[in-house]
């Protein structure tokens, strides 16, 4: 529709060199770029005088020529006809839609009481119920109307997808006409195997005899907010909608299974799980990456690692592990760093450095084996078709030789320091370090010297130092970043892809 007149001045300015049709207002200071935009701005005749760039030296503006004005007026008339035609069509479509909706309000559907009482089930439970009447709740993942009498819905309930067929009155009622993707519904019907040559999730579909609208989503569903081509920050701002998509939900399902497989590995090997605190007043690594906070008037931090607490548990529980959140105030926004991540850590008493290496190899290989034997294996290969499990034994190099080689090639740890004796890291292609471990200091005097060397007051660490006084022992442990492990497993380019709601510098929402 043509823009209404909002300018009362009798002149408008147009400059091909300096004008802007989006931000200009037709003044000498902010001219339009095209004469057509000036006429559109004016809206209707009589049009004001239009000034354009002068061709004379020393003269800034000149009145538009009669020929130019005539041509622009013709172009304006054509554009106005198009606009009027479009407005007319939109008005007719709106009138037709309102008429259809009014008619649809008169169409009523009822649950046939003569039919068997439906069993409320999840989608993953449907295969043995073929031929039976069921009731399924879920979200409209996709929908396709075919004429007036047929509607196909792909339903999503978090356990799977189900193709559903609605016909006649079921797709002619008011709720069917306003239905949109991401709306929630309850569908009643009979589960039937799809005919040969046809495909559907699970090999069956639901022939509906009744349905109810639970919650109507805005027209257009999630497409109103974003799509796969949206800017990264737009996608992250709308992560709550992104996770409903098939790709992201596959990753989150694999993540759930991988986390369970880590726990199963540890329990199978005789470990005990502990739940360490994440609010602490001590540090494990450099203070520059600590998040500090006011804890009832005292300084406290979000934990960087639960290693120290795990070490206190080994005299009571033996081999211990935890799956907990760790926090690091990383200042870099790279594809491998997060400010909050899931930390899988373990501590083991009375082991040697060789034992530690063997346990790390066993951890990685056994967890991968468990994932590949789980129902999530198919999802893993859908996301990463070229995945190949690691082969035992892992390649090893004499540690002293490795340290020399790393220093010669100026290869450092994530914190910027060089590797030292007694440490171990597991490196994976395209991701780098996913596990860091070491044999711990178990001599009391050596530990006190370490405090002194690092400039750390040992007083707040009394409980940790006591471990060396009351029955010390050789022990070792490690920490594995779950997100980095998943980034390798699923061959993701960026670590944020495997997080529910990633946290990194300048990103702490939603």
Protein backbone atom coordinates (compact mmCIF):
# COMPACT_ATOMS: atom_id res chain seq x y z
CA UNK A 1 0.00 0.00 0.00
CA UNK A 2 1.35 3.50 -0.87
CA UNK A 3 2.82 5.40 2.08
CA UNK A 4 0.58 8.14 3.46
CA UNK A 5 1.67 11.79 3.23
CA UNK A 6 3.57 12.74 6.36
CA UNK A 7 5.57 15.67 4.92
CA UNK A 8 3.90 19.03 4.44
CA UNK A 9 6.85 20.82 2.80
CA UNK A 10 6.44 21.57 -0.89
CA UNK A 11 9.76 20.03 -1.90
CA UNK A 12 11.64 16.72 -1.64
CA UNK A 13 15.31 16.00 -2.26
CA UNK A 14 16.78 13.01 -4.11
CA UNK A 15 20.49 12.22 -4.42
CA UNK A 16 21.86 9.20 -6.23
CA UNK A 17 25.27 9.88 -4.64
CA UNK A 18 24.33 10.57 -1.02
CA UNK A 19 20.71 9.50 -0.65
CA UNK A 20 19.20 6.54 1.17
CA UNK A 21 15.73 5.14 0.56
CA UNK A 22 15.65 3.35 3.91
CA UNK A 23 16.93 6.05 6.27
CA UNK A 24 16.31 9.22 4.28
CA UNK A 25 13.39 11.56 4.93
CA UNK A 26 13.49 13.68 1.77
CA UNK A 27 15.11 16.70 3.37
CA UNK A 28 18.18 18.42 1.97
CA UNK A 29 20.19 16.93 4.84
CA UNK A 30 18.81 13.38 4.44
CA UNK A 31 17.71 12.97 0.82
CA UNK A 32 16.17 9.88 -0.74
CA UNK A 33 18.20 7.89 -3.25
CA UNK A 34 15.46 7.47 -5.90
CA UNK A 35 12.68 9.68 -7.20
CA UNK A 36 10.27 6.74 -6.97
CA UNK A 37 10.85 6.63 -3.21
CA UNK A 38 10.09 10.37 -3.06
CA UNK A 39 6.75 9.91 -4.86
CA UNK A 40 5.92 6.91 -2.67
CA UNK A 41 6.69 9.07 0.35
CA UNK A 42 4.39 11.83 -0.92
CA UNK A 43 1.70 9.24 -1.58
CA UNK A 44 -0.57 11.04 -4.05
CA UNK A 45 -0.86 14.02 -6.36
CA UNK A 46 -0.28 16.88 -6.38
CA UNK A 47 3.34 15.85 -5.86
CA UNK A 48 5.79 18.34 -4.33
CA UNK A 49 8.71 19.74 -6.28
CA UNK A 50 11.53 17.20 -6.46
CA UNK A 51 15.15 18.30 -6.43
CA UNK A 52 17.93 16.04 -7.72
CA UNK A 53 21.71 16.23 -8.07
CA UNK A 54 22.59 19.15 -10.33
CA UNK A 55 24.82 18.53 -13.33
CA UNK A 56 26.08 22.14 -13.31
CA UNK A 57 29.38 22.95 -11.67
CA UNK A 58 28.99 24.91 -8.43
CA UNK A 59 25.26 24.08 -8.15
CA UNK A 60 24.13 21.43 -5.63
CA UNK A 61 20.47 20.90 -6.53
CA UNK A 62 18.29 21.18 -9.61
CA UNK A 63 14.58 20.60 -10.20
CA UNK A 64 13.94 17.17 -11.73
CA UNK A 65 13.47 17.34 -15.51
CA UNK A 66 10.01 16.98 -17.03
CA UNK A 67 11.04 13.76 -18.79
CA UNK A 68 12.38 12.24 -15.57
CA UNK A 69 9.28 13.34 -13.66
CA UNK A 70 6.99 11.84 -16.33
CA UNK A 71 8.84 8.50 -16.33
CA UNK A 72 8.89 8.30 -12.55
CA UNK A 73 5.15 9.08 -12.37
CA UNK A 74 4.47 6.20 -14.81
CA UNK A 75 6.59 3.88 -12.68
CA UNK A 76 4.80 5.09 -9.55
CA UNK A 77 1.40 4.41 -11.16
CA UNK A 78 2.44 0.84 -12.06
CA UNK A 79 3.75 0.22 -8.53
CA UNK A 80 0.54 1.63 -7.08
CA UNK A 81 -1.54 -0.67 -9.27
CA UNK A 82 0.53 -3.65 -8.09
CA UNK A 83 0.12 -2.54 -4.50
CA UNK A 84 -3.63 -2.03 -4.91
CA UNK A 85 -3.92 -5.44 -6.58
CA UNK A 86 -1.92 -7.06 -3.78
CA UNK A 87 -4.01 -5.32 -1.13
CA UNK A 88 -7.18 -6.43 -2.89
CA UNK A 89 -5.97 -10.04 -3.07
CA UNK A 90 -4.96 -9.99 0.60
CA UNK A 91 -8.36 -8.58 1.52
CA UNK A 92 -10.12 -11.27 -0.52
CA UNK A 93 -7.95 -14.01 1.01
CA UNK A 94 -8.64 -12.67 4.48
CA UNK A 95 -12.38 -12.53 3.79
CA UNK A 96 -12.31 -16.07 2.39
CA UNK A 97 -10.35 -17.34 5.41
CA UNK A 98 -12.74 -15.67 7.84
CA UNK A 99 -15.65 -17.23 5.97
CA UNK A 100 -13.99 -20.66 6.15
CA UNK A 101 -13.31 -20.23 9.85
CA UNK A 102 -16.90 -19.21 10.50
CA UNK A 103 -18.04 -22.32 8.65
CA UNK A 104 -15.53 -24.48 10.51
CA UNK A 105 -16.91 -23.33 13.85
CA UNK A 106 -20.14 -25.10 12.97
CA UNK A 107 -18.32 -28.41 12.40
CA UNK A 108 -18.28 -30.47 15.58
CA UNK A 109 -16.37 -33.66 16.30
CA UNK A 110 -17.11 -36.10 19.10
CA UNK A 111 -15.37 -39.02 20.71
CA UNK A 112 -17.38 -42.06 19.63
CA UNK A 113 -18.44 -43.79 22.86
CA UNK A 114 -19.12 -47.02 20.98
CA UNK A 115 -15.41 -47.42 20.23
CA UNK A 116 -13.09 -49.22 22.68
CA UNK A 117 -11.62 -47.06 25.45
CA UNK A 118 -8.17 -45.98 24.21
CA UNK A 119 -4.99 -46.80 26.09
CA UNK A 120 -2.80 -43.74 26.70
CA UNK A 121 0.72 -44.60 25.52
CA UNK A 122 4.02 -43.12 24.40
CA UNK A 123 5.07 -43.38 20.76
CA UNK A 124 7.90 -45.83 21.48
CA UNK A 125 5.33 -48.28 22.93
CA UNK A 126 3.15 -48.51 19.81
CA UNK A 127 4.58 -51.42 17.81
CA UNK A 128 2.99 -54.22 19.87
CA UNK A 129 -0.30 -52.27 19.90
CA UNK A 130 -0.93 -52.38 16.15
CA UNK A 131 -4.61 -52.92 15.46
CA UNK A 132 -5.61 -51.42 18.82
CA UNK A 133 -7.13 -48.05 19.69
CA UNK A 134 -4.77 -45.72 21.55
CA UNK A 135 -4.46 -42.14 22.74
CA UNK A 136 -1.18 -40.29 22.17
CA UNK A 137 -0.14 -36.85 23.39
CA UNK A 138 2.53 -34.81 21.65
CA UNK A 139 3.68 -31.81 19.65
CA UNK A 140 2.88 -31.23 15.98
CA UNK A 141 6.34 -31.64 14.45
CA UNK A 142 5.21 -31.36 10.82
CA UNK A 143 1.83 -31.12 9.11
CA UNK A 144 0.57 -31.26 5.54
CA UNK A 145 -2.94 -30.61 4.28
CA UNK A 146 -4.11 -32.41 1.15
CA UNK A 147 -7.30 -30.82 -0.07
CA UNK A 148 -10.21 -30.25 2.30
CA UNK A 149 -10.58 -33.80 3.51
CA UNK A 150 -7.09 -34.99 4.44
CA UNK A 151 -4.49 -33.85 6.97
CA UNK A 152 -1.19 -35.55 7.76
CA UNK A 153 0.51 -34.83 11.08
CA UNK A 154 3.93 -36.02 12.24
CA UNK A 155 3.63 -36.12 16.01
CA UNK A 156 6.59 -35.81 18.40
CA UNK A 157 6.43 -36.80 22.07
CA UNK A 158 10.10 -37.03 23.08
CA UNK A 159 10.22 -40.81 22.63
CA UNK A 160 9.82 -40.86 18.86
CA UNK A 161 7.81 -39.68 15.86
CA UNK A 162 4.41 -40.88 14.64
CA UNK A 163 2.63 -40.25 11.35
CA UNK A 164 -1.06 -39.56 11.91
CA UNK A 165 -3.88 -39.33 9.38
CA UNK A 166 -6.98 -37.18 9.93
CA UNK A 167 -9.82 -37.01 7.41
CA UNK A 168 -13.26 -35.51 6.79
CA UNK A 169 -14.63 -33.63 9.83
CA UNK A 170 -11.45 -34.16 11.83
CA UNK A 171 -9.58 -31.81 9.47
CA UNK A 172 -12.53 -29.50 8.71
CA UNK A 173 -13.26 -28.30 12.24
CA UNK A 174 -12.09 -24.91 13.51
CA UNK A 175 -9.13 -26.25 15.50
CA UNK A 176 -7.84 -28.09 12.42
CA UNK A 177 -7.92 -24.91 10.33
CA UNK A 178 -5.92 -22.88 12.87
CA UNK A 179 -3.59 -25.74 13.85
CA UNK A 180 0.13 -24.98 13.49
CA UNK A 181 3.43 -26.76 14.09
CA UNK A 182 4.55 -26.96 17.74
CA UNK A 183 0.93 -27.01 18.93
CA UNK A 184 0.18 -29.75 21.46
CA UNK A 185 -2.57 -32.26 20.75
CA UNK A 186 -4.13 -35.48 21.95
CA UNK A 187 -4.80 -37.90 19.09
CA UNK A 188 -7.13 -40.91 19.31
CA UNK A 189 -7.08 -43.70 16.77
CA UNK A 190 -5.98 -47.13 15.63
CA UNK A 191 -2.35 -48.04 15.03
CA UNK A 192 -1.94 -49.59 11.60
CA UNK A 193 1.08 -50.92 9.73
CA UNK A 194 1.83 -48.79 6.67
CA UNK A 195 1.15 -50.42 3.28
CA UNK A 196 4.05 -52.01 1.43
CA UNK A 197 6.06 -49.47 -0.51
CA UNK A 198 5.14 -46.70 1.93
CA UNK A 199 7.36 -45.37 4.69
CA UNK A 200 6.63 -43.89 8.10
CA UNK A 201 8.50 -43.67 11.42
CA UNK A 202 8.27 -47.05 13.16
CA UNK A 203 6.64 -48.62 10.11
CA UNK A 204 3.12 -47.70 11.25
CA UNK A 205 0.72 -44.77 11.39
CA UNK A 206 -2.23 -43.65 13.48
CA UNK A 207 -5.58 -43.51 11.71
CA UNK A 208 -7.40 -40.97 13.86
CA UNK A 209 -11.06 -41.08 14.85
CA UNK A 210 -10.95 -38.13 17.28
CA UNK A 211 -8.53 -35.48 18.49
CA UNK A 212 -8.23 -32.62 20.96
CA UNK A 213 -6.22 -29.42 20.85
CA UNK A 214 -4.26 -29.01 24.08
CA UNK A 215 -2.22 -25.88 23.35
CA UNK A 216 -2.26 -23.79 20.17
CA UNK A 217 1.10 -22.39 18.97
CA UNK A 218 1.37 -19.17 16.93
CA UNK A 219 0.92 -19.57 13.18
CA UNK A 220 4.21 -20.64 11.64
CA UNK A 221 5.44 -22.37 14.79
CA UNK A 222 9.16 -22.12 15.55
CA UNK A 223 9.84 -20.68 12.07
CA UNK A 224 8.62 -17.34 13.47
CA UNK A 225 11.74 -17.20 15.65
CA UNK A 226 14.52 -18.85 13.66
CA UNK A 227 15.61 -21.39 11.10
CA UNK A 228 18.78 -23.33 10.30
CA UNK A 229 20.18 -20.37 8.33
CA UNK A 230 19.73 -17.92 11.23
CA UNK A 231 22.72 -16.13 12.72
CA UNK A 232 24.55 -18.11 15.44
CA UNK A 233 23.57 -15.65 18.18
CA UNK A 234 19.93 -15.76 17.05
CA UNK A 235 20.04 -19.55 17.27
CA UNK A 236 21.61 -19.41 20.74
CA UNK A 237 19.07 -16.83 21.96
CA UNK A 238 16.35 -19.23 20.82
CA UNK A 239 18.09 -22.41 21.94
CA UNK A 240 14.88 -23.44 23.72
CA UNK A 241 13.31 -23.82 20.28
CA UNK A 242 16.41 -25.19 18.54
CA UNK A 243 16.46 -28.24 20.81
CA UNK A 244 13.07 -29.26 19.38
CA UNK A 245 14.74 -29.82 16.00
CA UNK A 246 15.74 -33.32 14.96
CA UNK A 247 19.51 -32.72 14.78
CA UNK A 248 19.89 -31.06 18.17
CA UNK A 249 17.57 -33.54 19.89
CA UNK A 250 19.66 -36.43 18.49
CA UNK A 251 22.78 -34.89 20.02
CA UNK A 252 21.06 -34.44 23.39
CA UNK A 253 19.86 -38.05 23.33
CA UNK A 254 23.40 -39.28 22.63
CA UNK A 255 24.68 -37.03 25.42
CA UNK A 256 22.22 -38.61 27.86
CA UNK A 257 23.34 -42.11 26.88
CA UNK A 258 27.05 -41.23 27.02
CA UNK A 259 26.65 -39.81 30.53
CA UNK A 260 24.89 -43.01 31.61
CA UNK A 261 27.64 -45.12 30.02
CA UNK A 262 30.30 -43.28 32.00
CA UNK A 263 28.40 -44.02 35.21
CA UNK A 264 27.89 -47.66 34.21
CA UNK A 265 31.62 -47.99 33.51
CA UNK A 266 32.59 -46.68 36.93
CA UNK A 267 30.02 -48.76 38.82
CA UNK A 268 31.07 -51.86 36.89
CA UNK A 269 34.68 -51.22 37.94
CA UNK A 270 33.78 -50.85 41.62
CA UNK A 271 33.86 -47.06 41.97
CA UNK A 272 31.55 -45.06 44.24
CA UNK A 273 29.92 -41.84 43.03
CA UNK A 274 30.10 -38.75 45.23
CA UNK A 275 28.37 -35.37 44.99
CA UNK A 276 30.99 -32.70 45.71
CA UNK A 277 30.23 -29.05 46.53
CA UNK A 278 30.47 -26.51 43.72
CA UNK A 279 30.69 -23.49 46.07
CA UNK A 280 34.25 -23.47 47.40
CA UNK A 281 36.81 -21.25 49.12
CA UNK A 282 39.90 -22.98 47.71
CA UNK A 283 41.32 -23.26 44.22
CA UNK A 284 42.69 -26.16 42.24
CA UNK A 285 44.05 -24.28 39.26
CA UNK A 286 45.03 -20.69 38.48
CA UNK A 287 43.09 -17.95 40.22
CA UNK A 288 42.74 -15.96 36.99
CA UNK A 289 39.98 -18.28 35.77
CA UNK A 290 37.95 -18.32 38.99
CA UNK A 291 34.40 -16.99 39.21
CA UNK A 292 34.20 -15.30 42.61
CA UNK A 293 31.06 -14.40 44.54
CA UNK A 294 29.91 -13.01 47.88
CA UNK A 295 29.02 -15.91 50.16
CA UNK A 296 27.26 -14.30 53.16
CA UNK A 297 30.01 -11.70 53.45
CA UNK A 298 32.87 -14.08 52.68
CA UNK A 299 34.69 -14.58 49.40
CA UNK A 300 33.85 -17.83 47.64
CA UNK A 301 34.25 -19.31 44.17
CA UNK A 302 32.54 -21.59 41.70
CA UNK A 303 34.58 -24.77 41.56
CA UNK A 304 37.13 -25.39 38.81
CA UNK A 305 37.52 -29.05 39.74
CA UNK A 306 36.33 -31.50 42.40
CA UNK A 307 39.71 -33.24 42.58
CA UNK A 308 40.52 -32.21 46.15
CA UNK A 309 37.16 -33.43 47.48
CA UNK A 310 37.48 -36.71 45.62
CA UNK A 311 40.91 -37.24 47.20
CA UNK A 312 39.39 -36.90 50.68
CA UNK A 313 36.96 -39.73 49.88
CA UNK A 314 39.44 -42.41 48.82
CA UNK A 315 40.37 -43.43 52.42
CA UNK A 316 36.67 -44.09 53.06
CA UNK A 317 35.34 -45.27 49.70
CA UNK A 318 38.33 -46.36 47.65
CA UNK A 319 38.00 -45.59 43.95
CA UNK A 320 35.63 -42.64 43.59
CA UNK A 321 34.19 -40.54 40.78
CA UNK A 322 31.82 -37.65 40.22
CA UNK A 323 29.84 -36.12 37.37
CA UNK A 324 29.59 -32.45 38.27
CA UNK A 325 29.65 -28.96 36.79
CA UNK A 326 32.94 -27.05 36.76
CA UNK A 327 33.45 -23.38 35.96
CA UNK A 328 36.30 -21.44 34.39
CA UNK A 329 36.32 -17.74 33.55
CA UNK A 330 37.88 -18.35 30.15
CA UNK A 331 38.50 -15.05 28.35
CA UNK A 332 38.69 -16.60 24.89
CA UNK A 333 35.76 -17.35 22.61
CA UNK A 334 37.06 -20.37 20.75
CA UNK A 335 35.34 -23.48 19.44
CA UNK A 336 36.86 -25.59 22.26
CA UNK A 337 36.30 -23.53 25.42
CA UNK A 338 33.34 -23.18 27.77
CA UNK A 339 32.84 -21.27 31.01
CA UNK A 340 30.64 -24.05 32.42
CA UNK A 341 31.04 -27.70 31.55
CA UNK A 342 30.32 -31.19 32.82
CA UNK A 343 33.41 -32.58 34.52
CA UNK A 344 33.79 -36.34 34.93
CA UNK A 345 36.53 -36.86 37.52
CA UNK A 346 37.98 -39.88 39.32
CA UNK A 347 40.59 -40.56 42.01
CA UNK A 348 42.18 -43.94 42.71
CA UNK A 349 44.39 -44.96 45.68
CA UNK A 350 47.43 -47.26 45.57
CA UNK A 351 48.00 -47.11 41.82
CA UNK A 352 51.09 -46.52 39.70
CA UNK A 353 51.49 -44.21 36.74
CA UNK A 354 51.16 -47.21 34.41
CA UNK A 355 47.93 -48.17 36.20
CA UNK A 356 46.64 -44.66 35.58
CA UNK A 357 47.37 -44.89 31.86
CA UNK A 358 45.64 -48.28 31.63
CA UNK A 359 42.58 -47.00 33.46
CA UNK A 360 42.26 -44.02 31.13
CA UNK A 361 42.50 -46.27 28.09
CA UNK A 362 39.92 -48.62 29.59
CA UNK A 363 37.61 -45.70 30.38
CA UNK A 364 37.54 -44.26 26.86
CA UNK A 365 37.28 -47.60 25.05
CA UNK A 366 34.73 -49.15 27.39
CA UNK A 367 32.44 -46.11 27.30
CA UNK A 368 32.55 -46.04 23.49
CA UNK A 369 31.80 -49.79 23.39
CA UNK A 370 28.82 -49.29 25.71
CA UNK A 371 27.44 -46.45 23.59
CA UNK A 372 27.75 -48.54 20.41
CA UNK A 373 25.81 -51.37 22.08
CA UNK A 374 23.02 -49.01 23.19
CA UNK A 375 19.92 -47.83 21.28
CA UNK A 376 21.70 -44.48 20.83
CA UNK A 377 24.25 -46.07 18.47
CA UNK A 378 22.00 -45.45 15.46
CA UNK A 379 21.67 -41.78 16.44
CA UNK A 380 25.44 -41.49 16.78
CA UNK A 381 25.95 -42.80 13.24
CA UNK A 382 23.20 -40.53 11.91
CA UNK A 383 25.08 -37.53 13.32
CA UNK A 384 28.58 -38.87 12.57
CA UNK A 385 28.39 -41.56 9.85
CA UNK A 386 32.18 -41.93 9.66
CA UNK A 387 32.78 -42.62 13.35
CA UNK A 388 35.35 -45.32 14.09
CA UNK A 389 35.91 -46.50 17.69
CA UNK A 390 39.44 -46.11 19.08
CA UNK A 391 41.64 -49.19 18.97
CA UNK A 392 43.57 -50.58 21.90
CA UNK A 393 46.30 -50.14 22.88
CA UNK A 394 46.61 -46.34 22.70
CA UNK A 395 49.87 -45.05 21.31
CA UNK A 396 52.24 -44.13 24.13
CA UNK A 397 55.56 -42.36 24.28
CA UNK A 398 58.12 -42.31 27.09
CA UNK A 399 57.06 -39.35 29.20
CA UNK A 400 60.46 -37.71 29.50
CA UNK A 401 60.89 -38.00 25.72
CA UNK A 402 57.40 -36.62 25.20
CA UNK A 403 58.08 -33.58 27.40
CA UNK A 404 61.27 -32.81 25.50
CA UNK A 405 59.47 -33.17 22.14
CA UNK A 406 56.55 -30.96 23.26
CA UNK A 407 58.87 -28.22 24.51
CA UNK A 408 60.95 -28.35 21.34
CA UNK A 409 57.77 -27.84 19.32
CA UNK A 410 56.41 -25.23 21.78
CA UNK A 411 53.24 -27.24 22.47
CA UNK A 412 51.56 -26.22 25.71
CA UNK A 413 48.55 -27.18 27.82
CA UNK A 414 45.30 -25.22 27.66
CA UNK A 415 46.48 -23.01 30.53
CA UNK A 416 49.58 -21.99 28.56
CA UNK A 417 52.11 -23.94 30.65
CA UNK A 418 54.36 -26.78 29.55
CA UNK A 419 53.66 -30.40 30.46
CA UNK A 420 55.47 -31.75 33.53
CA UNK A 421 56.47 -35.19 34.74
CA UNK A 422 53.70 -37.35 36.17
CA UNK A 423 50.94 -35.82 34.09
CA UNK A 424 48.91 -37.47 31.35
CA UNK A 425 46.54 -36.16 28.70
CA UNK A 426 44.34 -37.98 26.22
CA UNK A 427 44.28 -36.16 22.89
CA UNK A 428 41.62 -36.67 20.22
CA UNK A 429 41.55 -35.57 16.54
CA UNK A 430 40.03 -32.12 15.88
CA UNK A 431 39.37 -31.58 19.59
CA UNK A 432 42.69 -31.85 21.38
CA UNK A 433 42.82 -32.63 25.07
CA UNK A 434 39.72 -34.37 26.43
CA UNK A 435 41.30 -35.89 29.57
CA UNK A 436 43.92 -34.48 31.91
CA UNK A 437 45.34 -36.55 34.75
CA UNK A 438 48.37 -37.06 36.97
CA UNK A 439 49.83 -38.89 39.90
CA UNK A 440 49.09 -36.69 42.92
CA UNK A 441 51.60 -35.37 45.45
CA UNK A 442 51.32 -37.68 48.45
CA UNK A 443 54.26 -36.54 50.57
CA UNK A 444 53.27 -33.94 53.20
CA UNK A 445 56.51 -31.97 53.00
CA UNK A 446 56.41 -31.89 49.22
CA UNK A 447 52.84 -30.60 49.36
CA UNK A 448 53.78 -27.81 51.78
CA UNK A 449 56.64 -26.86 49.49
CA UNK A 450 54.14 -26.72 46.65
CA UNK A 451 51.92 -24.28 48.58
CA UNK A 452 54.96 -22.10 49.21
CA UNK A 453 56.14 -22.22 45.61
CA UNK A 454 52.74 -21.18 44.27
CA UNK A 455 52.26 -18.49 46.92
CA UNK A 456 49.20 -20.23 48.39
CA UNK A 457 48.26 -19.84 52.07
CA UNK A 458 47.96 -23.46 53.33
CA UNK A 459 45.55 -22.54 56.14
CA UNK A 460 42.28 -22.91 54.17
CA UNK A 461 43.59 -26.20 52.78
CA UNK A 462 44.04 -27.86 56.21
CA UNK A 463 41.51 -30.55 55.36
CA UNK A 464 43.41 -31.42 52.19
CA UNK A 465 46.80 -31.40 53.92
CA UNK A 466 45.41 -33.76 56.58
CA UNK A 467 45.13 -36.45 53.89
CA UNK A 468 48.95 -36.59 53.88
CA UNK A 469 49.17 -36.68 57.69
CA UNK A 470 46.56 -39.35 58.45
CA UNK A 471 47.61 -42.30 56.31
CA UNK A 472 48.91 -40.98 53.01
CA UNK A 473 49.21 -43.22 49.96
CA UNK A 474 50.31 -43.04 46.32
CA UNK A 475 47.29 -42.15 44.24
CA UNK A 476 46.31 -40.64 40.93
CA UNK A 477 43.30 -39.29 39.11
CA UNK A 478 41.98 -37.45 36.11
CA UNK A 479 39.28 -35.15 34.80
CA UNK A 480 37.41 -35.60 31.52
CA UNK A 481 35.38 -32.87 29.85
CA UNK A 482 32.12 -34.46 28.74
CA UNK A 483 31.49 -31.79 26.11
CA UNK A 484 34.89 -32.28 24.48
CA UNK A 485 34.38 -36.05 24.52
CA UNK A 486 31.04 -35.58 22.74
CA UNK A 487 32.53 -33.09 20.28
CA UNK A 488 34.98 -35.80 19.24
CA UNK A 489 32.43 -38.62 19.32
CA UNK A 490 29.89 -36.73 17.19
CA UNK A 491 32.45 -34.89 15.04
CA UNK A 492 31.04 -31.45 15.80
CA UNK A 493 33.01 -28.40 14.74
CA UNK A 494 32.04 -26.32 17.78
CA UNK A 495 31.73 -27.45 21.37
CA UNK A 496 28.56 -25.38 21.87
CA UNK A 497 26.70 -27.83 19.59
CA UNK A 498 26.77 -30.55 22.28
CA UNK A 499 25.56 -28.30 25.14
CA UNK A 500 21.98 -27.78 26.23
CA UNK A 501 22.52 -24.07 26.95
CA UNK A 502 26.21 -23.25 26.35
CA UNK A 503 28.00 -20.79 28.60
CA UNK A 504 31.05 -18.90 27.35
CA UNK A 505 32.31 -15.32 27.34
CA UNK A 506 29.42 -12.89 26.60
CA UNK A 507 26.90 -15.75 26.64
CA UNK A 508 24.90 -16.44 29.81
CA UNK A 509 21.36 -16.69 28.47
CA UNK A 510 18.81 -18.08 28.14
